[in-house]
Structure formats: C-alpha cells, structure tokens
Amino acid sequence: MKRLALCAVLALCVVLPARAADPAGPAAKRWKQADTCIADANKQVPDHNAAALRKRDELTNACMTAHGLPPLTKVAPADDAPPTPSTAPSN
C-alpha cells in the first residue's frame, strides 16, 4: 500500500510541472494560431497593393474561421476610401 501511495505522489510530481509549463493555456494557443494564420497569408500574398491586401484579408479570415477564431479587422482600404495624401513636401 505504501508503494502505491509513493507511486501516486511521484506521478503527481511529474505531471504538475508539465501542466505549469504553459501558464497562459488556451489563450496562448489561440494567439499562436492567429499569428500562424497571418504569417501564412503573408507568405501566400507578399505584395502590398490594395488588391493583395484584400486577398490577404480573405485568406487570414478563412484560416481564422477554420480554426474557430474570430475574424480580424480589415487591413485593406475600402474601395470607396479616398486616397491618402502624400506626406512628401511639394516644391
């Protein structure tokens, strides 16, 4: 009986530190998956024009939805958005 108790205590000593290794738990896994979705979309569509940004948004949100995560806000400008003014000095 003492051996059984000793085995149980040793098992707990092994299992508890393993569970403490990931203190953030599920939240950290969701953030990591979101980062992976964004990185994969950036690899598939590396350009930075408006059409590429829209395609990247679609790919990112499809990946997020496939993994049960909420969609991200859009990065691409809206079609009806006015062009941003240039910050370069005009001489």
PDB file of N, CA and C in Angstrom:
ATOM      1  N   MET A   1       0.820  -1.180   0.000  1.00  0.00           N
ATOM      2  CA  MET A   1       0.000   0.000   0.000  1.00  0.00           C
ATOM      3  C   MET A   1       0.873   1.256   0.000  1.00  0.00           C
ATOM      4  N   LYS A   2       2.004   1.216   0.729  1.00  0.00           N
ATOM      5  CA  LYS A   2       2.898   2.360   0.758  1.00  0.00           C
ATOM      6  C   LYS A   2       3.515   2.596  -0.616  1.00  0.00           C
ATOM      7  N   ARG A   3       3.772   1.509  -1.336  1.00  0.00           N
ATOM      8  CA  ARG A   3       4.339   1.647  -2.678  1.00  0.00           C
ATOM      9  C   ARG A   3       3.352   2.341  -3.613  1.00  0.00           C
ATOM     10  N   LEU A   4       2.084   1.992  -3.485  1.00  0.00           N
ATOM     11  CA  LEU A   4       1.054   2.606  -4.319  1.00  0.00           C
ATOM     12  C   LEU A   4       0.954   4.104  -4.024  1.00  0.00           C
ATOM     13  N   ALA A   5       1.002   4.464  -2.757  1.00  0.00           N
ATOM     14  CA  ALA A   5       0.939   5.872  -2.373  1.00  0.00           C
ATOM     15  C   ALA A   5       2.177   6.609  -2.880  1.00  0.00           C
ATOM     16  N   LEU A   6       3.326   5.971  -2.777  1.00  0.00           N
ATOM     17  CA  LEU A   6       4.561   6.588  -3.253  1.00  0.00           C
ATOM     18  C   LEU A   6       4.517   6.787  -4.764  1.00  0.00           C
ATOM     19  N   CYS A   7       4.001   5.812  -5.484  1.00  0.00           N
ATOM     20  CA  CYS A   7       3.870   5.929  -6.945  1.00  0.00           C
ATOM     21  C   CYS A   7       2.912   7.061  -7.310  1.00  0.00           C
ATOM     22  N   ALA A   8       1.831   7.196  -6.568  1.00  0.00           N
ATOM     23  CA  ALA A   8       0.878   8.266  -6.839  1.00  0.00           C
ATOM     24  C   ALA A   8       1.507   9.634  -6.611  1.00  0.00           C
ATOM     25  N   VAL A   9       2.262   9.772  -5.541  1.00  0.00           N
ATOM     26  CA  VAL A   9       2.924  11.043  -5.249  1.00  0.00           C
ATOM     27  C   VAL A   9       3.962  11.363  -6.320  1.00  0.00           C
ATOM     28  N   LEU A  10       4.721  10.386  -6.737  1.00  0.00           N
ATOM     29  CA  LEU A  10       5.720  10.600  -7.780  1.00  0.00           C
ATOM     30  C   LEU A  10       5.068  10.965  -9.114  1.00  0.00           C
ATOM     31  N   ALA A  11       3.952  10.333  -9.407  1.00  0.00           N
ATOM     32  CA  ALA A  11       3.236  10.653 -10.639  1.00  0.00           C
ATOM     33  C   ALA A  11       2.759  12.102 -10.621  1.00  0.00           C
ATOM     34  N   LEU A  12       2.264  12.560  -9.499  1.00  0.00           N
ATOM     35  CA  LEU A  12       1.826  13.948  -9.387  1.00  0.00           C
ATOM     36  C   LEU A  12       3.002  14.910  -9.524  1.00  0.00           C
ATOM     37  N   CYS A  13       4.124  14.530  -8.979  1.00  0.00           N
ATOM     38  CA  CYS A  13       5.314  15.378  -9.088  1.00  0.00           C
ATOM     39  C   CYS A  13       5.778  15.518 -10.532  1.00  0.00           C
ATOM     40  N   VAL A  14       5.508  14.533 -11.343  1.00  0.00           N
ATOM     41  CA  VAL A  14       5.897  14.579 -12.748  1.00  0.00           C
ATOM     42  C   VAL A  14       4.849  15.335 -13.573  1.00  0.00           C
ATOM     43  N   VAL A  15       3.575  15.134 -13.291  1.00  0.00           N
ATOM     44  CA  VAL A  15       2.502  15.712 -14.094  1.00  0.00           C
ATOM     45  C   VAL A  15       2.317  17.198 -13.806  1.00  0.00           C
ATOM     46  N   LEU A  16       2.362  17.625 -12.572  1.00  0.00           N
ATOM     47  CA  LEU A  16       2.086  19.020 -12.232  1.00  0.00           C
ATOM     48  C   LEU A  16       3.073  19.996 -12.857  1.00  0.00           C
ATOM     49  N   PRO A  17       4.370  19.754 -12.854  1.00  0.00           N
ATOM     50  CA  PRO A  17       5.265  20.697 -13.534  1.00  0.00           C
ATOM     51  C   PRO A  17       5.020  20.760 -15.042  1.00  0.00           C
ATOM     52  N   ALA A  18       4.617  19.673 -15.636  1.00  0.00           N
ATOM     53  CA  ALA A  18       4.327  19.672 -17.069  1.00  0.00           C
ATOM     54  C   ALA A  18       3.134  20.569 -17.371  1.00  0.00           C
ATOM     55  N   ARG A  19       2.133  20.585 -16.513  1.00  0.00           N
ATOM     56  CA  ARG A  19       0.974  21.445 -16.714  1.00  0.00           C
ATOM     57  C   ARG A  19       1.332  22.903 -16.475  1.00  0.00           C
ATOM     58  N   ALA A  20       2.274  23.178 -15.605  1.00  0.00           N
ATOM     59  CA  ALA A  20       2.661  24.553 -15.300  1.00  0.00           C
ATOM     60  C   ALA A  20       3.553  25.151 -16.384  1.00  0.00           C
ATOM     61  N   ALA A  21       4.027  24.355 -17.311  1.00  0.00           N
ATOM     62  CA  ALA A  21       4.921  24.845 -18.353  1.00  0.00           C
ATOM     63  C   ALA A  21       4.208  25.808 -19.299  1.00  0.00           C
ATOM     64  N   ASP A  22       2.888  25.717 -19.442  1.00  0.00           N
ATOM     65  CA  ASP A  22       2.122  26.581 -20.324  1.00  0.00           C
ATOM     66  C   ASP A  22       1.142  27.392 -19.479  1.00  0.00           C
ATOM     67  N   PRO A  23       1.625  28.469 -18.823  1.00  0.00           N
ATOM     68  CA  PRO A  23       0.776  29.197 -17.890  1.00  0.00           C
ATOM     69  C   PRO A  23      -0.398  29.907 -18.546  1.00  0.00           C
ATOM     70  N   ALA A  24      -0.265  30.323 -19.793  1.00  0.00           N
ATOM     71  CA  ALA A  24      -1.354  31.053 -20.438  1.00  0.00           C
ATOM     72  C   ALA A  24      -2.452  30.124 -20.934  1.00  0.00           C
ATOM     73  N   GLY A  25      -2.114  28.872 -21.164  1.00  0.00           N
ATOM     74  CA  GLY A  25      -3.107  27.881 -21.566  1.00  0.00           C
ATOM     75  C   GLY A  25      -3.723  28.158 -22.924  1.00  0.00           C
ATOM     76  N   PRO A  26      -5.053  28.047 -22.988  1.00  0.00           N
ATOM     77  CA  PRO A  26      -5.728  28.143 -24.278  1.00  0.00           C
ATOM     78  C   PRO A  26      -5.583  29.509 -24.957  1.00  0.00           C
ATOM     79  N   ALA A  27      -5.464  30.571 -24.191  1.00  0.00           N
ATOM     80  CA  ALA A  27      -5.334  31.901 -24.801  1.00  0.00           C
ATOM     81  C   ALA A  27      -4.053  31.995 -25.620  1.00  0.00           C
ATOM     82  N   ALA A  28      -2.967  31.467 -25.090  1.00  0.00           N
ATOM     83  CA  ALA A  28      -1.699  31.490 -25.822  1.00  0.00           C
ATOM     84  C   ALA A  28      -1.787  30.659 -27.090  1.00  0.00           C
ATOM     85  N   LYS A  29      -2.494  29.551 -27.038  1.00  0.00           N
ATOM     86  CA  LYS A  29      -2.661  28.720 -28.236  1.00  0.00           C
ATOM     87  C   LYS A  29      -3.455  29.454 -29.303  1.00  0.00           C
ATOM     88  N   ARG A  30      -4.493  30.209 -28.881  1.00  0.00           N
ATOM     89  CA  ARG A  30      -5.289  30.972 -29.855  1.00  0.00           C
ATOM     90  C   ARG A  30      -4.455  32.085 -30.488  1.00  0.00           C
ATOM     91  N   TRP A  31      -3.657  32.781 -29.673  1.00  0.00           N
ATOM     92  CA  TRP A  31      -2.804  33.831 -30.222  1.00  0.00           C
ATOM     93  C   TRP A  31      -1.778  33.246 -31.191  1.00  0.00           C
ATOM     94  N   LYS A  32      -1.212  32.107 -30.837  1.00  0.00           N
ATOM     95  CA  LYS A  32      -0.223  31.480 -31.710  1.00  0.00           C
ATOM     96  C   LYS A  32      -0.860  31.068 -33.034  1.00  0.00           C
ATOM     97  N   GLN A  33      -2.079  30.524 -32.981  1.00  0.00           N
ATOM     98  CA  GLN A  33      -2.765  30.128 -34.206  1.00  0.00           C
ATOM     99  C   GLN A  33      -3.083  31.358 -35.061  1.00  0.00           C
ATOM    100  N   ALA A  34      -3.500  32.442 -34.424  1.00  0.00           N
ATOM    101  CA  ALA A  34      -3.774  33.674 -35.172  1.00  0.00           C
ATOM    102  C   ALA A  34      -2.506  34.172 -35.847  1.00  0.00           C
ATOM    103  N   ASP A  35      -1.388  34.147 -35.146  1.00  0.00           N
ATOM    104  CA  ASP A  35      -0.115  34.559 -35.735  1.00  0.00           C
ATOM    105  C   ASP A  35       0.262  33.668 -36.915  1.00  0.00           C
ATOM    106  N   THR A  36      -0.009  32.373 -36.786  1.00  0.00           N
ATOM    107  CA  THR A  36       0.285  31.442 -37.870  1.00  0.00           C
ATOM    108  C   THR A  36      -0.580  31.742 -39.089  1.00  0.00           C
ATOM    109  N   CYS A  37      -1.866  32.030 -38.868  1.00  0.00           N
ATOM    110  CA  CYS A  37      -2.764  32.360 -39.978  1.00  0.00           C
ATOM    111  C   CYS A  37      -2.272  33.611 -40.711  1.00  0.00           C
ATOM    112  N   ILE A  38      -1.864  34.618 -39.971  1.00  0.00           N
ATOM    113  CA  ILE A  38      -1.394  35.861 -40.578  1.00  0.00           C
ATOM    114  C   ILE A  38      -0.094  35.621 -41.342  1.00  0.00           C
ATOM    115  N   ALA A  39       0.814  34.866 -40.761  1.00  0.00           N
ATOM    116  CA  ALA A  39       2.094  34.587 -41.425  1.00  0.00           C
ATOM    117  C   ALA A  39       1.881  33.790 -42.706  1.00  0.00           C
ATOM    118  N   ASP A  40       0.983  32.812 -42.687  1.00  0.00           N
ATOM    119  CA  ASP A  40       0.711  32.017 -43.885  1.00  0.00           C
ATOM    120  C   ASP A  40       0.113  32.890 -44.991  1.00  0.00           C
ATOM    121  N   ALA A  41      -0.803  33.784 -44.627  1.00  0.00           N
ATOM    122  CA  ALA A  41      -1.399  34.676 -45.623  1.00  0.00           C
ATOM    123  C   ALA A  41      -0.348  35.621 -46.196  1.00  0.00           C
ATOM    124  N   ASN A  42       0.566  36.094 -45.361  1.00  0.00           N
ATOM    125  CA  ASN A  42       1.630  36.973 -45.844  1.00  0.00           C
ATOM    126  C   ASN A  42       2.576  36.245 -46.785  1.00  0.00           C
ATOM    127  N   LYS A  43       2.820  34.968 -46.549  1.00  0.00           N
ATOM    128  CA  LYS A  43       3.676  34.189 -47.446  1.00  0.00           C
ATOM    129  C   LYS A  43       2.992  33.957 -48.787  1.00  0.00           C
ATOM    130  N   GLN A  44       1.668  33.727 -48.751  1.00  0.00           N
ATOM    131  CA  GLN A  44       0.940  33.448 -49.990  1.00  0.00           C
ATOM    132  C   GLN A  44       0.757  34.703 -50.832  1.00  0.00           C
ATOM    133  N   VAL A  45       0.568  35.850 -50.183  1.00  0.00           N
ATOM    134  CA  VAL A  45       0.348  37.106 -50.904  1.00  0.00           C
ATOM    135  C   VAL A  45       1.305  38.158 -50.344  1.00  0.00           C
ATOM    136  N   PRO A  46       2.534  38.219 -50.856  1.00  0.00           N
ATOM    137  CA  PRO A  46       3.532  39.123 -50.278  1.00  0.00           C
ATOM    138  C   PRO A  46       3.421  40.577 -50.748  1.00  0.00           C
ATOM    139  N   ASP A  47       2.611  40.863 -51.762  1.00  0.00           N
ATOM    140  CA  ASP A  47       2.523  42.225 -52.290  1.00  0.00           C
ATOM    141  C   ASP A  47       1.803  43.157 -51.320  1.00  0.00           C
ATOM    142  N   HIS A  48       1.952  44.466 -51.548  1.00  0.00           N
ATOM    143  CA  HIS A  48       1.361  45.458 -50.652  1.00  0.00           C
ATOM    144  C   HIS A  48       0.443  46.432 -51.374  1.00  0.00           C
ATOM    145  N   ASN A  49      -0.166  46.006 -52.480  1.00  0.00           N
ATOM    146  CA  ASN A  49      -1.145  46.873 -53.125  1.00  0.00           C
ATOM    147  C   ASN A  49      -2.538  46.550 -52.581  1.00  0.00           C
ATOM    148  N   ALA A  50      -3.537  47.339 -52.952  1.00  0.00           N
ATOM    149  CA  ALA A  50      -4.876  47.198 -52.379  1.00  0.00           C
ATOM    150  C   ALA A  50      -5.484  45.825 -52.675  1.00  0.00           C
ATOM    151  N   ALA A  51      -5.308  45.329 -53.897  1.00  0.00           N
ATOM    152  CA  ALA A  51      -5.879  44.028 -54.257  1.00  0.00           C
ATOM    153  C   ALA A  51      -5.222  42.904 -53.445  1.00  0.00           C
ATOM    154  N   ALA A  52      -3.919  42.985 -53.268  1.00  0.00           N
ATOM    155  CA  ALA A  52      -3.208  41.962 -52.491  1.00  0.00           C
ATOM    156  C   ALA A  52      -3.625  42.011 -51.028  1.00  0.00           C
ATOM    157  N   LEU A  53      -3.816  43.219 -50.487  1.00  0.00           N
ATOM    158  CA  LEU A  53      -4.260  43.335 -49.101  1.00  0.00           C
ATOM    159  C   LEU A  53      -5.652  42.738 -48.903  1.00  0.00           C
ATOM    160  N   ARG A  54      -6.545  42.945 -49.884  1.00  0.00           N
ATOM    161  CA  ARG A  54      -7.882  42.337 -49.793  1.00  0.00           C
ATOM    162  C   ARG A  54      -7.783  40.809 -49.821  1.00  0.00           C
ATOM    163  N   LYS A  55      -6.951  40.286 -50.720  1.00  0.00           N
ATOM    164  CA  LYS A  55      -6.775  38.833 -50.819  1.00  0.00           C
ATOM    165  C   LYS A  55      -6.175  38.285 -49.523  1.00  0.00           C
ATOM    166  N   ARG A  56      -5.206  38.999 -48.952  1.00  0.00           N
ATOM    167  CA  ARG A  56      -4.583  38.580 -47.692  1.00  0.00           C
ATOM    168  C   ARG A  56      -5.605  38.588 -46.558  1.00  0.00           C
ATOM    169  N   ASP A  57      -6.483  39.595 -46.530  1.00  0.00           N
ATOM    170  CA  ASP A  57      -7.549  39.637 -45.526  1.00  0.00           C
ATOM    171  C   ASP A  57      -8.467  38.425 -45.651  1.00  0.00           C
ATOM    172  N   GLU A  58      -8.824  38.080 -46.897  1.00  0.00           N
ATOM    173  CA  GLU A  58      -9.687  36.917 -47.124  1.00  0.00           C
ATOM    174  C   GLU A  58      -9.024  35.629 -46.644  1.00  0.00           C
ATOM    175  N   LEU A  59      -7.750  35.448 -46.985  1.00  0.00           N
ATOM    176  CA  LEU A  59      -7.030  34.239 -46.577  1.00  0.00           C
ATOM    177  C   LEU A  59      -6.896  34.156 -45.058  1.00  0.00           C
ATOM    178  N   THR A  60      -6.584  35.284 -44.430  1.00  0.00           N
ATOM    179  CA  THR A  60      -6.427  35.305 -42.978  1.00  0.00           C
ATOM    180  C   THR A  60      -7.743  34.958 -42.295  1.00  0.00           C
ATOM    181  N   ASN A  61      -8.830  35.586 -42.729  1.00  0.00           N
ATOM    182  CA  ASN A  61     -10.119  35.331 -42.086  1.00  0.00           C
ATOM    183  C   ASN A  61     -10.622  33.917 -42.347  1.00  0.00           C
ATOM    184  N   ALA A  62     -10.325  33.360 -43.515  1.00  0.00           N
ATOM    185  CA  ALA A  62     -10.710  31.972 -43.785  1.00  0.00           C
ATOM    186  C   ALA A  62      -9.973  31.023 -42.845  1.00  0.00           C
ATOM    187  N   CYS A  63      -8.692  31.267 -42.633  1.00  0.00           N
ATOM    188  CA  CYS A  63      -7.895  30.437 -41.722  1.00  0.00           C
ATOM    189  C   CYS A  63      -8.399  30.588 -40.296  1.00  0.00           C
ATOM    190  N   MET A  64      -8.680  31.829 -39.891  1.00  0.00           N
ATOM    191  CA  MET A  64      -9.159  32.072 -38.525  1.00  0.00           C
ATOM    192  C   MET A  64     -10.496  31.359 -38.301  1.00  0.00           C
ATOM    193  N   THR A  65     -11.386  31.444 -39.272  1.00  0.00           N
ATOM    194  CA  THR A  65     -12.688  30.784 -39.155  1.00  0.00           C
ATOM    195  C   THR A  65     -12.519  29.269 -39.111  1.00  0.00           C
ATOM    196  N   ALA A  66     -11.603  28.744 -39.905  1.00  0.00           N
ATOM    197  CA  ALA A  66     -11.373  27.294 -39.933  1.00  0.00           C
ATOM    198  C   ALA A  66     -10.873  26.779 -38.587  1.00  0.00           C
ATOM    199  N   HIS A  67     -10.197  27.638 -37.831  1.00  0.00           N
ATOM    200  CA  HIS A  67      -9.667  27.227 -36.523  1.00  0.00           C
ATOM    201  C   HIS A  67     -10.525  27.709 -35.360  1.00  0.00           C
ATOM    202  N   GLY A  68     -11.733  28.199 -35.657  1.00  0.00           N
ATOM    203  CA  GLY A  68     -12.657  28.599 -34.607  1.00  0.00           C
ATOM    204  C   GLY A  68     -12.301  29.908 -33.931  1.00  0.00           C
ATOM    205  N   LEU A  69     -11.589  30.778 -34.646  1.00  0.00           N
ATOM    206  CA  LEU A  69     -11.185  32.066 -34.095  1.00  0.00           C
ATOM    207  C   LEU A  69     -12.009  33.176 -34.743  1.00  0.00           C
ATOM    208  N   PRO A  70     -12.195  34.303 -34.067  1.00  0.00           N
ATOM    209  CA  PRO A  70     -12.947  35.402 -34.673  1.00  0.00           C
ATOM    210  C   PRO A  70     -12.146  36.057 -35.794  1.00  0.00           C
ATOM    211  N   PRO A  71     -12.833  36.589 -36.800  1.00  0.00           N
ATOM    212  CA  PRO A  71     -12.107  37.243 -37.894  1.00  0.00           C
ATOM    213  C   PRO A  71     -11.445  38.529 -37.417  1.00  0.00           C
ATOM    214  N   LEU A  72     -10.385  38.906 -38.107  1.00  0.00           N
ATOM    215  CA  LEU A  72      -9.660  40.134 -37.775  1.00  0.00           C
ATOM    216  C   LEU A  72     -10.266  41.317 -38.516  1.00  0.00           C
ATOM    217  N   THR A  73      -9.934  42.522 -38.086  1.00  0.00           N
ATOM    218  CA  THR A  73     -10.370  43.708 -38.809  1.00  0.00           C
ATOM    219  C   THR A  73      -9.604  43.791 -40.114  1.00  0.00           C
ATOM    220  N   LYS A  74     -10.178  44.432 -41.071  1.00  0.00           N
ATOM    221  CA  LYS A  74      -9.591  44.511 -42.407  1.00  0.00           C
ATOM    222  C   LYS A  74      -8.348  45.394 -42.402  1.00  0.00           C
ATOM    223  N   VAL A  75      -7.365  45.005 -43.187  1.00  0.00           N
ATOM    224  CA  VAL A  75      -6.160  45.790 -43.377  1.00  0.00           C
ATOM    225  C   VAL A  75      -6.280  46.585 -44.670  1.00  0.00           C
ATOM    226  N   ALA A  76      -6.945  45.996 -45.657  1.00  0.00           N
ATOM    227  CA  ALA A  76      -7.064  46.627 -46.966  1.00  0.00           C
ATOM    228  C   ALA A  76      -7.983  47.840 -46.881  1.00  0.00           C
ATOM    229  N   PRO A  77      -7.670  48.873 -47.656  1.00  0.00           N
ATOM    230  CA  PRO A  77      -8.561  50.033 -47.685  1.00  0.00           C
ATOM    231  C   PRO A  77      -9.867  49.683 -48.373  1.00  0.00           C
ATOM    232  N   ALA A  78     -10.931  50.355 -47.980  1.00  0.00           N
ATOM    233  CA  ALA A  78     -12.229  50.133 -48.625  1.00  0.00           C
ATOM    234  C   ALA A  78     -12.155  50.656 -50.052  1.00  0.00           C
ATOM    235  N   ASP A  79     -12.997  50.092 -50.925  1.00  0.00           N
ATOM    236  CA  ASP A  79     -12.986  50.517 -52.325  1.00  0.00           C
ATOM    237  C   ASP A  79     -13.361  51.984 -52.481  1.00  0.00           C
ATOM    238  N   ASP A  80     -14.240  52.482 -51.602  1.00  0.00           N
ATOM    239  CA  ASP A  80     -14.699  53.861 -51.725  1.00  0.00           C
ATOM    240  C   ASP A  80     -13.892  54.829 -50.859  1.00  0.00           C
ATOM    241  N   ALA A  81     -12.804  54.361 -50.267  1.00  0.00           N
ATOM    242  CA  ALA A  81     -11.987  55.218 -49.418  1.00  0.00           C
ATOM    243  C   ALA A  81     -11.186  56.189 -50.278  1.00  0.00           C
ATOM    244  N   PRO A  82     -11.120  57.455 -49.843  1.00  0.00           N
ATOM    245  CA  PRO A  82     -10.317  58.403 -50.627  1.00  0.00           C
ATOM    246  C   PRO A  82      -8.839  58.074 -50.490  1.00  0.00           C
ATOM    247  N   PRO A  83      -8.048  58.395 -51.495  1.00  0.00           N
ATOM    248  CA  PRO A  83      -6.609  58.109 -51.399  1.00  0.00           C
ATOM    249  C   PRO A  83      -5.985  58.951 -50.292  1.00  0.00           C
ATOM    250  N   THR A  84      -5.011  58.375 -49.633  1.00  0.00           N
ATOM    251  CA  THR A  84      -4.343  59.108 -48.561  1.00  0.00           C
ATOM    252  C   THR A  84      -3.402  60.131 -49.170  1.00  0.00           C
ATOM    253  N   PRO A  85      -3.364  61.324 -48.587  1.00  0.00           N
ATOM    254  CA  PRO A  85      -2.475  62.352 -49.154  1.00  0.00           C
ATOM    255  C   PRO A  85      -1.021  62.007 -48.910  1.00  0.00           C
ATOM    256  N   SER A  86      -0.202  62.445 -49.815  1.00  0.00           N
ATOM    257  CA  SER A  86       1.237  62.200 -49.696  1.00  0.00           C
ATOM    258  C   SER A  86       1.810  63.122 -48.626  1.00  0.00           C
ATOM    259  N   THR A  87       2.758  62.618 -47.865  1.00  0.00           N
ATOM    260  CA  THR A  87       3.396  63.422 -46.828  1.00  0.00           C
ATOM    261  C   THR A  87       4.684  64.065 -47.328  1.00  0.00           C
ATOM    262  N   ALA A  88       5.026  63.828 -48.572  1.00  0.00           N
ATOM    263  CA  ALA A  88       6.234  64.404 -49.135  1.00  0.00           C
ATOM    264  C   ALA A  88       6.016  65.898 -49.407  1.00  0.00           C
ATOM    265  N   PRO A  89       7.008  66.699 -49.136  1.00  0.00           N
ATOM    266  CA  PRO A  89       6.841  68.135 -49.397  1.00  0.00           C
ATOM    267  C   PRO A  89       6.760  68.399 -50.903  1.00  0.00           C
ATOM    268  N   SER A  90       5.877  69.292 -51.267  1.00  0.00           N
ATOM    269  CA  SER A  90       5.740  69.607 -52.689  1.00  0.00           C
ATOM    270  C   SER A  90       6.465  70.911 -52.977  1.00  0.00           C
ATOM    271  N   ASN A  91       7.447  70.840 -53.815  1.00  0.00           N
ATOM    272  CA  ASN A  91       8.233  72.036 -54.176  1.00  0.00           C
ATOM    273  C   ASN A  91       8.110  72.301 -55.636  1.00  0.00           C
TER     274      ASN A  91
END
